[in-house]
Amino acid sequence: MKLTPREELIVERMAPGVLCAEGFLGSDGRSLGDILAADSHTVESLDLTHKQIAAKLGEIMQAAADAFGNPVSVGDGLSAVAAEAMGPIGCPWGGCGVFAKGEIELTDARSGKTLRLTPLSVHLIGRHGFYQGKGARYRLEPEELARLLDISGGDEA
């Protein structure tokens, strides 16, 4: 399927070295449209919305930021710690503003699993339904997030 000029620009901005060194698509061979469709299908199958997931991630991000670099409990067996980084980063869709480059490390003590997310990650999920491509540094799997964050269909956003 041929991309519109706007979609081409978005994909160009997602390439490594444009907005960030690693890019947003990772090693995922799927098109942006296919990535968005697959993740939307997963979220819908969980009876959730991207906004519900982003809202919960935003709460965690705020709690971690308020702890000023110290680990903070953000759920049953979950802890989060914020790390600041210099400078802002723009959204690949454009026109959405800029976001702090810091990241949150979210750790599940039960499984030992650690996820990393950024303010831009939360925006990309909530506004664009984009969890990044497989293999991308900040790729977040919607089903894993729902389970880890203990959110289920019908939860309010």
N, C-alpha and C. Protein backbone atom coordinates (compact mmCIF):
# COMPACT_ATOMS: atom_id res chain seq x y z
N MET A 1 0.85 -1.18 0.00
CA MET A 1 0.00 0.00 0.00
C MET A 1 0.90 1.24 0.00
N LYS A 2 0.58 2.17 -0.85
CA LYS A 2 1.36 3.40 -0.97
C LYS A 2 1.05 4.34 0.19
N LEU A 3 2.10 4.90 0.77
CA LEU A 3 1.95 5.82 1.88
C LEU A 3 1.62 7.21 1.36
N THR A 4 0.85 7.95 2.15
CA THR A 4 0.61 9.35 1.83
C THR A 4 1.90 10.12 2.12
N PRO A 5 2.04 11.33 1.58
CA PRO A 5 3.24 12.12 1.90
C PRO A 5 3.41 12.34 3.42
N ARG A 6 2.33 12.53 4.13
CA ARG A 6 2.41 12.71 5.59
C ARG A 6 2.92 11.44 6.26
N GLU A 7 2.40 10.28 5.85
CA GLU A 7 2.86 9.01 6.42
C GLU A 7 4.33 8.76 6.10
N GLU A 8 4.75 9.12 4.90
CA GLU A 8 6.16 8.98 4.53
C GLU A 8 7.04 9.81 5.45
N LEU A 9 6.60 11.04 5.75
CA LEU A 9 7.36 11.92 6.64
C LEU A 9 7.44 11.33 8.05
N ILE A 10 6.35 10.77 8.54
CA ILE A 10 6.34 10.16 9.87
C ILE A 10 7.34 9.00 9.91
N VAL A 11 7.31 8.14 8.91
CA VAL A 11 8.22 7.00 8.86
C VAL A 11 9.67 7.48 8.76
N GLU A 12 9.91 8.53 7.99
CA GLU A 12 11.26 9.09 7.89
C GLU A 12 11.75 9.59 9.25
N ARG A 13 10.86 10.23 10.01
CA ARG A 13 11.23 10.73 11.34
C ARG A 13 11.51 9.60 12.32
N MET A 14 10.97 8.41 12.06
CA MET A 14 11.17 7.26 12.94
C MET A 14 12.48 6.54 12.68
N ALA A 15 13.16 6.88 11.61
CA ALA A 15 14.41 6.19 11.25
C ALA A 15 15.50 6.49 12.27
N PRO A 16 16.42 5.56 12.46
CA PRO A 16 17.55 5.80 13.37
C PRO A 16 18.32 7.05 12.98
N GLY A 17 18.66 7.84 14.00
CA GLY A 17 19.47 9.03 13.79
C GLY A 17 18.71 10.29 13.44
N VAL A 18 17.40 10.21 13.26
CA VAL A 18 16.63 11.41 12.93
C VAL A 18 16.20 12.12 14.22
N LEU A 19 15.31 11.53 14.98
CA LEU A 19 14.90 12.11 16.27
C LEU A 19 15.66 11.51 17.44
N CYS A 20 16.08 10.28 17.28
CA CYS A 20 16.88 9.60 18.30
C CYS A 20 17.80 8.60 17.62
N ALA A 21 18.86 8.25 18.31
CA ALA A 21 19.90 7.40 17.70
C ALA A 21 19.34 6.06 17.23
N GLU A 22 18.50 5.42 18.05
CA GLU A 22 18.03 4.08 17.74
C GLU A 22 16.82 4.03 16.82
N GLY A 23 16.09 5.12 16.70
CA GLY A 23 14.86 5.11 15.93
C GLY A 23 13.72 4.49 16.71
N PHE A 24 12.60 4.31 16.06
CA PHE A 24 11.38 3.87 16.72
C PHE A 24 10.85 2.53 16.21
N LEU A 25 11.38 2.04 15.11
CA LEU A 25 10.82 0.84 14.49
C LEU A 25 11.61 -0.42 14.80
N GLY A 26 12.81 -0.28 15.37
CA GLY A 26 13.61 -1.44 15.73
C GLY A 26 13.91 -2.31 14.52
N SER A 27 13.88 -3.61 14.74
CA SER A 27 14.15 -4.57 13.67
C SER A 27 12.86 -5.08 13.03
N ASP A 28 11.75 -4.46 13.38
CA ASP A 28 10.43 -4.88 12.90
C ASP A 28 10.34 -4.67 11.39
N GLY A 29 10.06 -5.72 10.67
CA GLY A 29 9.94 -5.63 9.22
C GLY A 29 8.57 -5.20 8.73
N ARG A 30 7.63 -5.04 9.65
CA ARG A 30 6.28 -4.64 9.26
C ARG A 30 6.23 -3.15 8.95
N SER A 31 5.24 -2.78 8.17
CA SER A 31 5.01 -1.36 7.90
C SER A 31 4.44 -0.69 9.15
N LEU A 32 4.54 0.63 9.20
CA LEU A 32 3.97 1.37 10.32
C LEU A 32 2.49 1.05 10.47
N GLY A 33 1.77 1.03 9.36
CA GLY A 33 0.33 0.72 9.40
C GLY A 33 0.05 -0.66 9.98
N ASP A 34 0.87 -1.64 9.62
CA ASP A 34 0.69 -2.99 10.15
C ASP A 34 1.00 -3.07 11.64
N ILE A 35 2.03 -2.33 12.08
CA ILE A 35 2.36 -2.29 13.51
C ILE A 35 1.20 -1.68 14.29
N LEU A 36 0.71 -0.55 13.82
CA LEU A 36 -0.41 0.13 14.49
C LEU A 36 -1.65 -0.77 14.53
N ALA A 37 -1.95 -1.42 13.40
CA ALA A 37 -3.15 -2.27 13.33
C ALA A 37 -3.03 -3.47 14.28
N ALA A 38 -1.88 -4.11 14.30
CA ALA A 38 -1.70 -5.28 15.17
C ALA A 38 -1.82 -4.90 16.64
N ASP A 39 -1.19 -3.79 17.04
CA ASP A 39 -1.27 -3.37 18.44
C ASP A 39 -2.68 -2.91 18.80
N SER A 40 -3.36 -2.25 17.88
CA SER A 40 -4.75 -1.85 18.15
C SER A 40 -5.64 -3.07 18.31
N HIS A 41 -5.42 -4.07 17.49
CA HIS A 41 -6.19 -5.32 17.60
C HIS A 41 -5.96 -5.96 18.97
N THR A 42 -4.71 -6.01 19.41
CA THR A 42 -4.40 -6.59 20.73
C THR A 42 -5.10 -5.82 21.84
N VAL A 43 -5.01 -4.49 21.80
CA VAL A 43 -5.63 -3.66 22.83
C VAL A 43 -7.14 -3.84 22.84
N GLU A 44 -7.75 -3.86 21.66
CA GLU A 44 -9.20 -4.06 21.58
C GLU A 44 -9.60 -5.44 22.09
N SER A 45 -8.78 -6.46 21.82
CA SER A 45 -9.09 -7.81 22.28
C SER A 45 -9.04 -7.91 23.81
N LEU A 46 -8.31 -7.01 24.44
CA LEU A 46 -8.23 -6.94 25.90
C LEU A 46 -9.34 -6.07 26.48
N ASP A 47 -10.20 -5.53 25.61
CA ASP A 47 -11.27 -4.61 26.00
C ASP A 47 -10.71 -3.37 26.70
N LEU A 48 -9.58 -2.90 26.17
CA LEU A 48 -8.93 -1.69 26.68
C LEU A 48 -8.83 -0.66 25.58
N THR A 49 -8.37 0.53 25.97
CA THR A 49 -8.04 1.57 24.99
C THR A 49 -6.58 1.97 25.20
N HIS A 50 -6.02 2.56 24.17
CA HIS A 50 -4.65 3.07 24.29
C HIS A 50 -4.60 4.13 25.38
N LYS A 51 -5.66 4.92 25.50
CA LYS A 51 -5.68 5.98 26.51
C LYS A 51 -5.67 5.42 27.92
N GLN A 52 -6.34 4.30 28.15
CA GLN A 52 -6.33 3.68 29.48
C GLN A 52 -4.91 3.23 29.84
N ILE A 53 -4.24 2.61 28.89
CA ILE A 53 -2.88 2.14 29.13
C ILE A 53 -1.95 3.33 29.37
N ALA A 54 -2.07 4.36 28.53
CA ALA A 54 -1.23 5.55 28.68
C ALA A 54 -1.50 6.26 30.00
N ALA A 55 -2.75 6.30 30.42
CA ALA A 55 -3.08 6.96 31.69
C ALA A 55 -2.39 6.26 32.86
N LYS A 56 -2.41 4.95 32.87
CA LYS A 56 -1.76 4.20 33.95
C LYS A 56 -0.25 4.42 33.90
N LEU A 57 0.33 4.39 32.70
CA LEU A 57 1.77 4.65 32.56
C LEU A 57 2.10 6.07 33.00
N GLY A 58 1.23 7.02 32.71
CA GLY A 58 1.43 8.40 33.14
C GLY A 58 1.44 8.53 34.65
N GLU A 59 0.55 7.79 35.33
CA GLU A 59 0.52 7.79 36.79
C GLU A 59 1.84 7.26 37.35
N ILE A 60 2.32 6.20 36.76
CA ILE A 60 3.59 5.60 37.20
C ILE A 60 4.74 6.57 36.95
N MET A 61 4.73 7.19 35.79
CA MET A 61 5.79 8.15 35.46
C MET A 61 5.80 9.31 36.45
N GLN A 62 4.64 9.81 36.80
CA GLN A 62 4.55 10.91 37.75
C GLN A 62 5.03 10.50 39.13
N ALA A 63 4.62 9.31 39.58
CA ALA A 63 5.06 8.83 40.89
C ALA A 63 6.58 8.68 40.93
N ALA A 64 7.16 8.16 39.87
CA ALA A 64 8.62 8.00 39.81
C ALA A 64 9.31 9.36 39.79
N ALA A 65 8.77 10.29 39.03
CA ALA A 65 9.36 11.63 38.96
C ALA A 65 9.30 12.31 40.32
N ASP A 66 8.19 12.14 41.03
CA ASP A 66 8.02 12.74 42.35
C ASP A 66 8.99 12.16 43.38
N ALA A 67 9.53 10.96 43.11
CA ALA A 67 10.47 10.31 44.04
C ALA A 67 11.92 10.74 43.79
N PHE A 68 12.14 11.61 42.81
CA PHE A 68 13.45 12.21 42.56
C PHE A 68 14.59 11.20 42.47
N GLY A 69 14.42 10.16 41.64
CA GLY A 69 15.49 9.21 41.42
C GLY A 69 15.53 8.05 42.40
N ASN A 70 14.64 8.05 43.36
CA ASN A 70 14.55 6.94 44.31
C ASN A 70 13.47 5.96 43.85
N PRO A 71 13.66 4.67 44.07
CA PRO A 71 12.62 3.70 43.70
C PRO A 71 11.34 3.97 44.48
N VAL A 72 10.21 3.77 43.81
CA VAL A 72 8.92 3.97 44.44
C VAL A 72 8.01 2.80 44.07
N SER A 73 7.23 2.33 45.03
CA SER A 73 6.28 1.25 44.76
C SER A 73 5.11 1.82 43.96
N VAL A 74 4.76 1.15 42.87
CA VAL A 74 3.68 1.64 42.01
C VAL A 74 2.64 0.56 41.74
N GLY A 75 2.65 -0.49 42.55
CA GLY A 75 1.70 -1.57 42.38
C GLY A 75 2.21 -2.81 43.07
N ASP A 76 1.43 -3.87 43.00
CA ASP A 76 1.79 -5.12 43.65
C ASP A 76 3.07 -5.69 43.05
N GLY A 77 4.17 -5.54 43.78
CA GLY A 77 5.44 -6.05 43.31
C GLY A 77 6.12 -5.20 42.27
N LEU A 78 5.56 -4.05 41.97
CA LEU A 78 6.13 -3.16 40.94
C LEU A 78 6.82 -1.97 41.58
N SER A 79 7.99 -1.65 41.07
CA SER A 79 8.67 -0.43 41.50
C SER A 79 9.12 0.33 40.26
N ALA A 80 9.23 1.62 40.42
CA ALA A 80 9.65 2.48 39.32
C ALA A 80 10.69 3.46 39.82
N VAL A 81 11.64 3.77 38.96
CA VAL A 81 12.64 4.77 39.28
C VAL A 81 12.87 5.62 38.02
N ALA A 82 12.96 6.92 38.25
CA ALA A 82 13.15 7.86 37.14
C ALA A 82 14.62 8.22 36.99
N ALA A 83 15.06 8.34 35.76
CA ALA A 83 16.40 8.82 35.44
C ALA A 83 16.24 9.97 34.44
N GLU A 84 16.82 11.10 34.78
CA GLU A 84 16.71 12.26 33.90
C GLU A 84 17.76 12.20 32.81
N ALA A 85 17.47 12.86 31.71
CA ALA A 85 18.43 13.01 30.61
C ALA A 85 18.27 14.42 30.06
N MET A 86 19.32 14.93 29.48
CA MET A 86 19.30 16.30 28.97
C MET A 86 18.54 16.40 27.65
N GLY A 87 17.80 17.47 27.52
CA GLY A 87 17.19 17.82 26.25
C GLY A 87 15.82 17.21 26.01
N PRO A 88 15.13 17.78 25.02
CA PRO A 88 13.81 17.29 24.64
C PRO A 88 13.88 16.45 23.35
N ILE A 89 12.79 15.76 23.08
CA ILE A 89 12.63 15.01 21.83
C ILE A 89 11.23 15.25 21.30
N GLY A 90 11.12 15.41 20.01
CA GLY A 90 9.82 15.64 19.37
C GLY A 90 9.14 14.33 19.02
N CYS A 91 7.86 14.44 18.77
CA CYS A 91 7.05 13.30 18.34
C CYS A 91 7.23 13.10 16.83
N PRO A 92 7.40 11.85 16.38
CA PRO A 92 7.56 11.62 14.95
C PRO A 92 6.35 12.05 14.12
N TRP A 93 5.18 12.14 14.72
CA TRP A 93 4.00 12.60 13.98
C TRP A 93 4.06 14.10 13.74
N GLY A 94 4.83 14.81 14.54
CA GLY A 94 4.96 16.26 14.39
C GLY A 94 3.76 17.01 14.96
N GLY A 95 4.01 18.23 15.39
CA GLY A 95 2.93 19.08 15.88
C GLY A 95 2.38 18.71 17.24
N CYS A 96 3.06 17.86 17.97
CA CYS A 96 2.57 17.40 19.27
C CYS A 96 3.38 17.98 20.43
N GLY A 97 4.35 18.81 20.13
CA GLY A 97 5.20 19.35 21.17
C GLY A 97 6.45 18.51 21.34
N VAL A 98 7.18 18.81 22.40
CA VAL A 98 8.41 18.07 22.70
C VAL A 98 8.29 17.46 24.09
N PHE A 99 9.08 16.41 24.31
CA PHE A 99 8.98 15.63 25.53
C PHE A 99 10.37 15.45 26.14
N ALA A 100 10.42 15.36 27.46
CA ALA A 100 11.69 15.15 28.16
C ALA A 100 12.29 13.82 27.74
N LYS A 101 13.61 13.76 27.69
CA LYS A 101 14.30 12.54 27.26
C LYS A 101 14.54 11.54 28.40
N GLY A 102 14.20 11.86 29.60
CA GLY A 102 14.42 10.93 30.71
C GLY A 102 13.64 9.64 30.52
N GLU A 103 13.98 8.64 31.33
CA GLU A 103 13.25 7.38 31.23
C GLU A 103 12.90 6.86 32.61
N ILE A 104 11.90 6.01 32.63
CA ILE A 104 11.45 5.33 33.84
C ILE A 104 11.78 3.86 33.68
N GLU A 105 12.39 3.30 34.71
CA GLU A 105 12.63 1.86 34.73
C GLU A 105 11.58 1.25 35.64
N LEU A 106 10.75 0.41 35.07
CA LEU A 106 9.66 -0.24 35.80
C LEU A 106 10.04 -1.70 35.99
N THR A 107 10.13 -2.14 37.26
CA THR A 107 10.59 -3.50 37.56
C THR A 107 9.50 -4.28 38.28
N ASP A 108 9.28 -5.49 37.83
CA ASP A 108 8.35 -6.42 38.46
C ASP A 108 9.17 -7.38 39.31
N ALA A 109 9.10 -7.23 40.63
CA ALA A 109 9.89 -8.06 41.55
C ALA A 109 9.51 -9.54 41.45
N ARG A 110 8.27 -9.82 41.06
CA ARG A 110 7.82 -11.22 40.97
C ARG A 110 8.53 -11.96 39.84
N SER A 111 8.69 -11.30 38.71
CA SER A 111 9.29 -11.98 37.55
C SER A 111 10.73 -11.54 37.29
N GLY A 112 11.11 -10.40 37.88
CA GLY A 112 12.43 -9.84 37.60
C GLY A 112 12.48 -9.06 36.30
N LYS A 113 11.37 -8.98 35.61
CA LYS A 113 11.28 -8.28 34.32
C LYS A 113 11.36 -6.78 34.53
N THR A 114 12.11 -6.11 33.64
CA THR A 114 12.24 -4.66 33.68
C THR A 114 11.82 -4.08 32.33
N LEU A 115 11.02 -3.04 32.38
CA LEU A 115 10.61 -2.30 31.19
C LEU A 115 11.12 -0.87 31.31
N ARG A 116 11.40 -0.26 30.19
CA ARG A 116 11.80 1.14 30.17
C ARG A 116 10.80 1.92 29.33
N LEU A 117 10.40 3.06 29.86
CA LEU A 117 9.49 3.92 29.12
C LEU A 117 9.90 5.36 29.31
N THR A 118 9.42 6.18 28.42
CA THR A 118 9.76 7.60 28.42
C THR A 118 8.47 8.43 28.36
N PRO A 119 8.57 9.72 28.63
CA PRO A 119 7.39 10.56 28.43
C PRO A 119 6.87 10.47 26.99
N LEU A 120 7.79 10.38 26.03
CA LEU A 120 7.36 10.24 24.64
C LEU A 120 6.64 8.91 24.43
N SER A 121 7.09 7.84 25.07
CA SER A 121 6.42 6.53 24.96
C SER A 121 4.96 6.65 25.37
N VAL A 122 4.73 7.31 26.50
CA VAL A 122 3.36 7.47 27.01
C VAL A 122 2.52 8.26 26.02
N HIS A 123 3.09 9.33 25.47
CA HIS A 123 2.38 10.13 24.47
C HIS A 123 2.07 9.29 23.23
N LEU A 124 3.07 8.56 22.73
CA LEU A 124 2.88 7.77 21.51
C LEU A 124 1.76 6.74 21.68
N ILE A 125 1.68 6.14 22.86
CA ILE A 125 0.62 5.17 23.12
C ILE A 125 -0.74 5.86 23.21
N GLY A 126 -0.84 6.89 24.05
CA GLY A 126 -2.12 7.55 24.29
C GLY A 126 -2.66 8.30 23.10
N ARG A 127 -1.81 8.94 22.34
CA ARG A 127 -2.27 9.79 21.23
C ARG A 127 -2.29 9.06 19.89
N HIS A 128 -1.32 8.17 19.67
CA HIS A 128 -1.18 7.56 18.35
C HIS A 128 -1.36 6.04 18.35
N GLY A 129 -1.53 5.43 19.52
CA GLY A 129 -1.67 3.97 19.59
C GLY A 129 -0.41 3.26 19.11
N PHE A 130 0.75 3.89 19.34
CA PHE A 130 2.02 3.36 18.84
C PHE A 130 2.90 2.91 20.00
N TYR A 131 3.19 1.62 20.04
CA TYR A 131 4.00 1.02 21.10
C TYR A 131 5.44 0.78 20.64
N GLN A 132 5.77 1.28 19.47
CA GLN A 132 7.05 1.15 18.78
C GLN A 132 7.19 -0.23 18.14
N GLY A 133 8.14 -0.33 17.24
CA GLY A 133 8.34 -1.58 16.51
C GLY A 133 9.08 -2.61 17.36
N LYS A 134 8.89 -3.87 17.02
CA LYS A 134 9.60 -4.94 17.73
C LYS A 134 11.10 -4.73 17.55
N GLY A 135 11.84 -4.90 18.63
CA GLY A 135 13.27 -4.69 18.60
C GLY A 135 13.70 -3.27 18.93
N ALA A 136 12.73 -2.34 19.01
CA ALA A 136 13.05 -0.96 19.38
C ALA A 136 13.35 -0.91 20.88
N ARG A 137 14.25 -0.04 21.27
CA ARG A 137 14.67 0.07 22.67
C ARG A 137 13.49 0.25 23.62
N TYR A 138 12.50 1.04 23.22
CA TYR A 138 11.38 1.34 24.10
C TYR A 138 10.08 0.65 23.67
N ARG A 139 10.19 -0.44 22.92
CA ARG A 139 9.00 -1.20 22.55
C ARG A 139 8.32 -1.72 23.80
N LEU A 140 7.01 -1.50 23.89
CA LEU A 140 6.20 -2.01 24.99
C LEU A 140 5.10 -2.87 24.40
N GLU A 141 4.96 -4.08 24.88
CA GLU A 141 3.93 -4.99 24.38
C GLU A 141 2.62 -4.72 25.10
N PRO A 142 1.56 -4.39 24.37
CA PRO A 142 0.29 -4.04 25.02
C PRO A 142 -0.24 -5.10 25.98
N GLU A 143 -0.20 -6.36 25.58
CA GLU A 143 -0.72 -7.42 26.44
C GLU A 143 0.10 -7.54 27.73
N GLU A 144 1.40 -7.43 27.60
CA GLU A 144 2.28 -7.49 28.77
C GLU A 144 2.02 -6.30 29.70
N LEU A 145 1.82 -5.12 29.12
CA LEU A 145 1.52 -3.94 29.94
C LEU A 145 0.22 -4.13 30.72
N ALA A 146 -0.81 -4.60 30.05
CA ALA A 146 -2.10 -4.79 30.72
C ALA A 146 -1.96 -5.74 31.90
N ARG A 147 -1.21 -6.82 31.71
CA ARG A 147 -1.02 -7.80 32.78
C ARG A 147 -0.16 -7.21 33.90
N LEU A 148 0.94 -6.60 33.53
CA LEU A 148 1.86 -6.05 34.51
C LEU A 148 1.23 -4.93 35.33
N LEU A 149 0.48 -4.07 34.67
CA LEU A 149 -0.13 -2.92 35.33
C LEU A 149 -1.46 -3.27 35.98
N ASP A 150 -1.91 -4.51 35.79
CA ASP A 150 -3.16 -4.99 36.37
C ASP A 150 -4.34 -4.10 35.99
N ILE A 151 -4.44 -3.83 34.68
CA ILE A 151 -5.60 -3.11 34.18
C ILE A 151 -6.38 -4.06 33.29
N SER A 152 -7.68 -3.93 33.34
CA SER A 152 -8.52 -4.80 32.57
C SER A 152 -9.64 -4.01 31.92
N GLY A 153 -10.29 -4.62 30.97
CA GLY A 153 -11.38 -3.96 30.27
C GLY A 153 -12.40 -3.41 31.23
N GLY A 154 -12.88 -2.24 30.91
CA GLY A 154 -13.87 -1.59 31.77
C GLY A 154 -13.25 -0.64 32.78
N ASP A 155 -11.92 -0.75 33.03
CA ASP A 155 -11.28 0.22 33.92
C ASP A 155 -11.40 1.60 33.30
N GLU A 156 -11.65 2.59 34.10
CA GLU A 156 -11.78 3.95 33.59
C GLU A 156 -10.42 4.54 33.24
N ALA A 157 -10.39 5.37 32.21
CA ALA A 157 -9.15 6.05 31.81
C ALA A 157 -9.00 7.34 32.55
